[in-house]
Amino acid sequence: MLVEFYILVILFCVFPVFLVSLDYLNKNAELNRDSYSVFDFDKFVKRKEEGDDVDVDIAKLLDIEKIAA
């Protein structure tokens, strides 16, 4: 009777906690993977308005203050 009790305790108490922990770790890792591919669009647009390094060099050679990108 005691062995069956321990088996039930393991199955219904420890195992669900283990599964929930694995699910949490999986979702946390997925969020970390997704955060790497996110970029700041406003910063990108602002940098494009100012011009890339190549555009700035071309503008200096042509004596132009701004390049329309």
PDB file of N, CA and C in Angstrom:
ATOM      1  N   MET A   1       0.824  -1.204   0.000  1.00  0.00           N
ATOM      2  CA  MET A   1       0.000   0.000   0.000  1.00  0.00           C
ATOM      3  C   MET A   1       0.866   1.266   0.000  1.00  0.00           C
ATOM      4  N   LEU A   2       1.985   1.211   0.705  1.00  0.00           N
ATOM      5  CA  LEU A   2       2.849   2.371   0.797  1.00  0.00           C
ATOM      6  C   LEU A   2       3.513   2.685  -0.549  1.00  0.00           C
ATOM      7  N   VAL A   3       3.888   1.672  -1.300  1.00  0.00           N
ATOM      8  CA  VAL A   3       4.523   1.871  -2.597  1.00  0.00           C
ATOM      9  C   VAL A   3       3.541   2.509  -3.576  1.00  0.00           C
ATOM     10  N   GLU A   4       2.304   2.062  -3.561  1.00  0.00           N
ATOM     11  CA  GLU A   4       1.289   2.650  -4.448  1.00  0.00           C
ATOM     12  C   GLU A   4       1.059   4.116  -4.110  1.00  0.00           C
ATOM     13  N   PHE A   5       1.105   4.441  -2.831  1.00  0.00           N
ATOM     14  CA  PHE A   5       0.923   5.823  -2.411  1.00  0.00           C
ATOM     15  C   PHE A   5       2.050   6.711  -2.959  1.00  0.00           C
ATOM     16  N   TYR A   6       3.291   6.246  -2.851  1.00  0.00           N
ATOM     17  CA  TYR A   6       4.422   7.009  -3.375  1.00  0.00           C
ATOM     18  C   TYR A   6       4.334   7.180  -4.889  1.00  0.00           C
ATOM     19  N   ILE A   7       3.902   6.151  -5.567  1.00  0.00           N
ATOM     20  CA  ILE A   7       3.741   6.248  -7.019  1.00  0.00           C
ATOM     21  C   ILE A   7       2.686   7.288  -7.365  1.00  0.00           C
ATOM     22  N   LEU A   8       1.586   7.302  -6.645  1.00  0.00           N
ATOM     23  CA  LEU A   8       0.541   8.304  -6.893  1.00  0.00           C
ATOM     24  C   LEU A   8       1.013   9.706  -6.569  1.00  0.00           C
ATOM     25  N   VAL A   9       1.775   9.847  -5.502  1.00  0.00           N
ATOM     26  CA  VAL A   9       2.298  11.164  -5.145  1.00  0.00           C
ATOM     27  C   VAL A   9       3.227  11.665  -6.243  1.00  0.00           C
ATOM     28  N   ILE A  10       4.086  10.806  -6.738  1.00  0.00           N
ATOM     29  CA  ILE A  10       5.006  11.208  -7.805  1.00  0.00           C
ATOM     30  C   ILE A  10       4.240  11.563  -9.069  1.00  0.00           C
ATOM     31  N   LEU A  11       3.276  10.747  -9.429  1.00  0.00           N
ATOM     32  CA  LEU A  11       2.543  10.994 -10.670  1.00  0.00           C
ATOM     33  C   LEU A  11       1.692  12.255 -10.612  1.00  0.00           C
ATOM     34  N   PHE A  12       1.022  12.489  -9.496  1.00  0.00           N
ATOM     35  CA  PHE A  12       0.062  13.585  -9.449  1.00  0.00           C
ATOM     36  C   PHE A  12       0.591  14.869  -8.814  1.00  0.00           C
ATOM     37  N   CYS A  13       1.756  14.842  -8.229  1.00  0.00           N
ATOM     38  CA  CYS A  13       2.297  16.056  -7.609  1.00  0.00           C
ATOM     39  C   CYS A  13       3.598  16.507  -8.247  1.00  0.00           C
ATOM     40  N   VAL A  14       4.545  15.632  -8.354  1.00  0.00           N
ATOM     41  CA  VAL A  14       5.867  16.012  -8.826  1.00  0.00           C
ATOM     42  C   VAL A  14       5.881  16.156 -10.345  1.00  0.00           C
ATOM     43  N   PHE A  15       5.287  15.243 -11.043  1.00  0.00           N
ATOM     44  CA  PHE A  15       5.312  15.254 -12.498  1.00  0.00           C
ATOM     45  C   PHE A  15       4.636  16.490 -13.103  1.00  0.00           C
ATOM     46  N   PRO A  16       3.453  16.917 -12.648  1.00  0.00           N
ATOM     47  CA  PRO A  16       2.871  18.158 -13.205  1.00  0.00           C
ATOM     48  C   PRO A  16       3.730  19.394 -12.940  1.00  0.00           C
ATOM     49  N   VAL A  17       4.357  19.461 -11.775  1.00  0.00           N
ATOM     50  CA  VAL A  17       5.231  20.593 -11.480  1.00  0.00           C
ATOM     51  C   VAL A  17       6.414  20.590 -12.442  1.00  0.00           C
ATOM     52  N   PHE A  18       6.956  19.427 -12.731  1.00  0.00           N
ATOM     53  CA  PHE A  18       8.047  19.298 -13.680  1.00  0.00           C
ATOM     54  C   PHE A  18       7.617  19.744 -15.077  1.00  0.00           C
ATOM     55  N   LEU A  19       6.420  19.343 -15.502  1.00  0.00           N
ATOM     56  CA  LEU A  19       5.927  19.727 -16.826  1.00  0.00           C
ATOM     57  C   LEU A  19       5.666  21.226 -16.926  1.00  0.00           C
ATOM     58  N   VAL A  20       5.118  21.809 -15.889  1.00  0.00           N
ATOM     59  CA  VAL A  20       4.870  23.250 -15.888  1.00  0.00           C
ATOM     60  C   VAL A  20       6.195  24.007 -15.920  1.00  0.00           C
ATOM     61  N   SER A  21       7.188  23.522 -15.203  1.00  0.00           N
ATOM     62  CA  SER A  21       8.499  24.163 -15.223  1.00  0.00           C
ATOM     63  C   SER A  21       9.126  24.095 -16.615  1.00  0.00           C
ATOM     64  N   LEU A  22       9.022  22.956 -17.274  1.00  0.00           N
ATOM     65  CA  LEU A  22       9.543  22.829 -18.624  1.00  0.00           C
ATOM     66  C   LEU A  22       8.827  23.757 -19.594  1.00  0.00           C
ATOM     67  N   ASP A  23       7.510  23.889 -19.444  1.00  0.00           N
ATOM     68  CA  ASP A  23       6.750  24.784 -20.309  1.00  0.00           C
ATOM     69  C   ASP A  23       7.172  26.233 -20.093  1.00  0.00           C
ATOM     70  N   TYR A  24       7.366  26.612 -18.842  1.00  0.00           N
ATOM     71  CA  TYR A  24       7.818  27.977 -18.536  1.00  0.00           C
ATOM     72  C   TYR A  24       9.183  28.251 -19.156  1.00  0.00           C
ATOM     73  N   LEU A  25      10.111  27.312 -19.009  1.00  0.00           N
ATOM     74  CA  LEU A  25      11.441  27.501 -19.572  1.00  0.00           C
ATOM     75  C   LEU A  25      11.386  27.582 -21.099  1.00  0.00           C
ATOM     76  N   ASN A  26      10.516  26.797 -21.711  1.00  0.00           N
ATOM     77  CA  ASN A  26      10.374  26.822 -23.167  1.00  0.00           C
ATOM     78  C   ASN A  26       9.820  28.170 -23.636  1.00  0.00           C
ATOM     79  N   LYS A  27       8.801  28.669 -22.962  1.00  0.00           N
ATOM     80  CA  LYS A  27       8.231  29.966 -23.347  1.00  0.00           C
ATOM     81  C   LYS A  27       9.220  31.097 -23.113  1.00  0.00           C
ATOM     82  N   ASN A  28       9.978  31.024 -22.039  1.00  0.00           N
ATOM     83  CA  ASN A  28      10.984  32.042 -21.747  1.00  0.00           C
ATOM     84  C   ASN A  28      12.066  32.043 -22.817  1.00  0.00           C
ATOM     85  N   ALA A  29      12.511  30.878 -23.216  1.00  0.00           N
ATOM     86  CA  ALA A  29      13.527  30.789 -24.267  1.00  0.00           C
ATOM     87  C   ALA A  29      12.978  31.287 -25.597  1.00  0.00           C
ATOM     88  N   GLU A  30      11.706  31.018 -25.873  1.00  0.00           N
ATOM     89  CA  GLU A  30      11.084  31.484 -27.120  1.00  0.00           C
ATOM     90  C   GLU A  30      10.990  33.003 -27.144  1.00  0.00           C
ATOM     91  N   LEU A  31      10.650  33.614 -26.014  1.00  0.00           N
ATOM     92  CA  LEU A  31      10.590  35.073 -25.944  1.00  0.00           C
ATOM     93  C   LEU A  31      11.972  35.684 -26.138  1.00  0.00           C
ATOM     94  N   ASN A  32      12.987  35.046 -25.580  1.00  0.00           N
ATOM     95  CA  ASN A  32      14.350  35.553 -25.768  1.00  0.00           C
ATOM     96  C   ASN A  32      14.777  35.441 -27.218  1.00  0.00           C
ATOM     97  N   ARG A  33      14.402  34.368 -27.893  1.00  0.00           N
ATOM     98  CA  ARG A  33      14.745  34.222 -29.305  1.00  0.00           C
ATOM     99  C   ARG A  33      14.028  35.265 -30.137  1.00  0.00           C
ATOM    100  N   ASP A  34      12.767  35.550 -29.815  1.00  0.00           N
ATOM    101  CA  ASP A  34      12.002  36.524 -30.594  1.00  0.00           C
ATOM    102  C   ASP A  34      12.497  37.947 -30.365  1.00  0.00           C
ATOM    103  N   SER A  35      13.025  38.233 -29.186  1.00  0.00           N
ATOM    104  CA  SER A  35      13.469  39.600 -28.903  1.00  0.00           C
ATOM    105  C   SER A  35      14.716  39.974 -29.700  1.00  0.00           C
ATOM    106  N   TYR A  36      15.479  38.991 -30.180  1.00  0.00           N
ATOM    107  CA  TYR A  36      16.663  39.300 -30.967  1.00  0.00           C
ATOM    108  C   TYR A  36      16.305  39.850 -32.344  1.00  0.00           C
ATOM    109  N   SER A  37      15.159  39.473 -32.881  1.00  0.00           N
ATOM    110  CA  SER A  37      14.815  39.886 -34.227  1.00  0.00           C
ATOM    111  C   SER A  37      14.029  41.196 -34.267  1.00  0.00           C
ATOM    112  N   VAL A  38      13.776  41.810 -33.129  1.00  0.00           N
ATOM    113  CA  VAL A  38      13.029  43.065 -33.064  1.00  0.00           C
ATOM    114  C   VAL A  38      14.019  44.230 -33.155  1.00  0.00           C
ATOM    115  N   PHE A  39      13.714  45.203 -34.007  1.00  0.00           N
ATOM    116  CA  PHE A  39      14.571  46.376 -34.095  1.00  0.00           C
ATOM    117  C   PHE A  39      13.707  47.625 -33.965  1.00  0.00           C
ATOM    118  N   ASP A  40      14.342  48.714 -33.618  1.00  0.00           N
ATOM    119  CA  ASP A  40      13.655  49.979 -33.403  1.00  0.00           C
ATOM    120  C   ASP A  40      13.451  50.656 -34.754  1.00  0.00           C
ATOM    121  N   PHE A  41      12.214  50.664 -35.232  1.00  0.00           N
ATOM    122  CA  PHE A  41      11.914  51.202 -36.547  1.00  0.00           C
ATOM    123  C   PHE A  41      12.136  52.708 -36.599  1.00  0.00           C
ATOM    124  N   ASP A  42      11.811  53.422 -35.520  1.00  0.00           N
ATOM    125  CA  ASP A  42      12.014  54.877 -35.493  1.00  0.00           C
ATOM    126  C   ASP A  42      13.493  55.224 -35.625  1.00  0.00           C
ATOM    127  N   LYS A  43      14.341  54.469 -34.936  1.00  0.00           N
ATOM    128  CA  LYS A  43      15.779  54.711 -35.024  1.00  0.00           C
ATOM    129  C   LYS A  43      16.273  54.418 -36.441  1.00  0.00           C
ATOM    130  N   PHE A  44      15.738  53.381 -37.054  1.00  0.00           N
ATOM    131  CA  PHE A  44      16.120  53.034 -38.421  1.00  0.00           C
ATOM    132  C   PHE A  44      15.743  54.144 -39.394  1.00  0.00           C
ATOM    133  N   VAL A  45      14.510  54.672 -39.267  1.00  0.00           N
ATOM    134  CA  VAL A  45      14.046  55.727 -40.174  1.00  0.00           C
ATOM    135  C   VAL A  45      14.860  57.002 -39.962  1.00  0.00           C
ATOM    136  N   LYS A  46      15.156  57.319 -38.705  1.00  0.00           N
ATOM    137  CA  LYS A  46      15.937  58.524 -38.417  1.00  0.00           C
ATOM    138  C   LYS A  46      17.340  58.405 -39.011  1.00  0.00           C
ATOM    139  N   ARG A  47      17.944  57.223 -38.910  1.00  0.00           N
ATOM    140  CA  ARG A  47      19.271  57.024 -39.469  1.00  0.00           C
ATOM    141  C   ARG A  47      19.238  57.090 -40.990  1.00  0.00           C
ATOM    142  N   LYS A  48      18.158  56.592 -41.600  1.00  0.00           N
ATOM    143  CA  LYS A  48      18.040  56.652 -43.055  1.00  0.00           C
ATOM    144  C   LYS A  48      17.838  58.089 -43.528  1.00  0.00           C
ATOM    145  N   GLU A  49      17.138  58.922 -42.736  1.00  0.00           N
ATOM    146  CA  GLU A  49      16.956  60.321 -43.101  1.00  0.00           C
ATOM    147  C   GLU A  49      18.292  61.053 -43.092  1.00  0.00           C
ATOM    148  N   GLU A  50      19.139  60.731 -42.123  1.00  0.00           N
ATOM    149  CA  GLU A  50      20.444  61.377 -42.053  1.00  0.00           C
ATOM    150  C   GLU A  50      21.365  60.856 -43.144  1.00  0.00           C
ATOM    151  N   GLY A  51      21.112  59.654 -43.609  1.00  0.00           N
ATOM    152  CA  GLY A  51      21.938  59.060 -44.656  1.00  0.00           C
ATOM    153  C   GLY A  51      22.917  58.056 -44.087  1.00  0.00           C
ATOM    154  N   ASP A  52      23.198  57.050 -44.878  1.00  0.00           N
ATOM    155  CA  ASP A  52      24.189  56.058 -44.471  1.00  0.00           C
ATOM    156  C   ASP A  52      25.585  56.651 -44.594  1.00  0.00           C
ATOM    157  N   ASP A  53      26.568  55.900 -44.160  1.00  0.00           N
ATOM    158  CA  ASP A  53      27.952  56.364 -44.250  1.00  0.00           C
ATOM    159  C   ASP A  53      28.356  56.601 -45.701  1.00  0.00           C
ATOM    160  N   VAL A  54      27.921  55.725 -46.576  1.00  0.00           N
ATOM    161  CA  VAL A  54      28.246  55.885 -47.997  1.00  0.00           C
ATOM    162  C   VAL A  54      27.560  57.131 -48.550  1.00  0.00           C
ATOM    163  N   ASP A  55      26.291  57.337 -48.176  1.00  0.00           N
ATOM    164  CA  ASP A  55      25.567  58.520 -48.645  1.00  0.00           C
ATOM    165  C   ASP A  55      26.223  59.810 -48.152  1.00  0.00           C
ATOM    166  N   VAL A  56      26.699  59.797 -46.925  1.00  0.00           N
ATOM    167  CA  VAL A  56      27.352  60.991 -46.368  1.00  0.00           C
ATOM    168  C   VAL A  56      28.648  61.282 -47.120  1.00  0.00           C
ATOM    169  N   ASP A  57      29.400  60.219 -47.425  1.00  0.00           N
ATOM    170  CA  ASP A  57      30.639  60.426 -48.183  1.00  0.00           C
ATOM    171  C   ASP A  57      30.360  60.955 -49.583  1.00  0.00           C
ATOM    172  N   ILE A  58      29.328  60.438 -50.229  1.00  0.00           N
ATOM    173  CA  ILE A  58      28.956  60.923 -51.566  1.00  0.00           C
ATOM    174  C   ILE A  58      28.519  62.379 -51.493  1.00  0.00           C
ATOM    175  N   ALA A  59      27.754  62.735 -50.455  1.00  0.00           N
ATOM    176  CA  ALA A  59      27.301  64.115 -50.300  1.00  0.00           C
ATOM    177  C   ALA A  59      28.481  65.058 -50.092  1.00  0.00           C
ATOM    178  N   LYS A  60      29.482  64.608 -49.351  1.00  0.00           N
ATOM    179  CA  LYS A  60      30.672  65.451 -49.154  1.00  0.00           C
ATOM    180  C   LYS A  60      31.413  65.660 -50.475  1.00  0.00           C
ATOM    181  N   LEU A  61      31.503  64.607 -51.271  1.00  0.00           N
ATOM    182  CA  LEU A  61      32.195  64.741 -52.551  1.00  0.00           C
ATOM    183  C   LEU A  61      31.442  65.650 -53.510  1.00  0.00           C
ATOM    184  N   LEU A  62      30.112  65.646 -53.450  1.00  0.00           N
ATOM    185  CA  LEU A  62      29.303  66.454 -54.358  1.00  0.00           C
ATOM    186  C   LEU A  62      28.941  67.818 -53.774  1.00  0.00           C
ATOM    187  N   ASP A  63      29.385  68.119 -52.552  1.00  0.00           N
ATOM    188  CA  ASP A  63      29.045  69.371 -51.867  1.00  0.00           C
ATOM    189  C   ASP A  63      27.553  69.546 -51.689  1.00  0.00           C
ATOM    190  N   ILE A  64      26.887  68.514 -51.234  1.00  0.00           N
ATOM    191  CA  ILE A  64      25.441  68.552 -50.959  1.00  0.00           C
ATOM    192  C   ILE A  64      25.285  68.366 -49.444  1.00  0.00           C
ATOM    193  N   GLU A  65      24.333  69.130 -48.863  1.00  0.00           N
ATOM    194  CA  GLU A  65      24.145  69.021 -47.424  1.00  0.00           C
ATOM    195  C   GLU A  65      23.348  67.782 -47.032  1.00  0.00           C
ATOM    196  N   LYS A  66      22.291  67.479 -47.762  1.00  0.00           N
ATOM    197  CA  LYS A  66      21.449  66.318 -47.429  1.00  0.00           C
ATOM    198  C   LYS A  66      21.218  65.492 -48.671  1.00  0.00           C
ATOM    199  N   ILE A  67      21.073  64.194 -48.432  1.00  0.00           N
ATOM    200  CA  ILE A  67      20.720  63.283 -49.526  1.00  0.00           C
ATOM    201  C   ILE A  67      19.350  62.723 -49.212  1.00  0.00           C
ATOM    202  N   ALA A  68      18.460  62.808 -50.192  1.00  0.00           N
ATOM    203  CA  ALA A  68      17.122  62.231 -50.008  1.00  0.00           C
ATOM    204  C   ALA A  68      17.222  60.732 -50.227  1.00  0.00           C
ATOM    205  N   ALA A  69      16.888  59.983 -49.209  1.00  0.00           N
ATOM    206  CA  ALA A  69      16.984  58.516 -49.321  1.00  0.00           C
ATOM    207  C   ALA A  69      15.661  57.943 -49.752  1.00  0.00           C
TER     208      ALA A  69
END
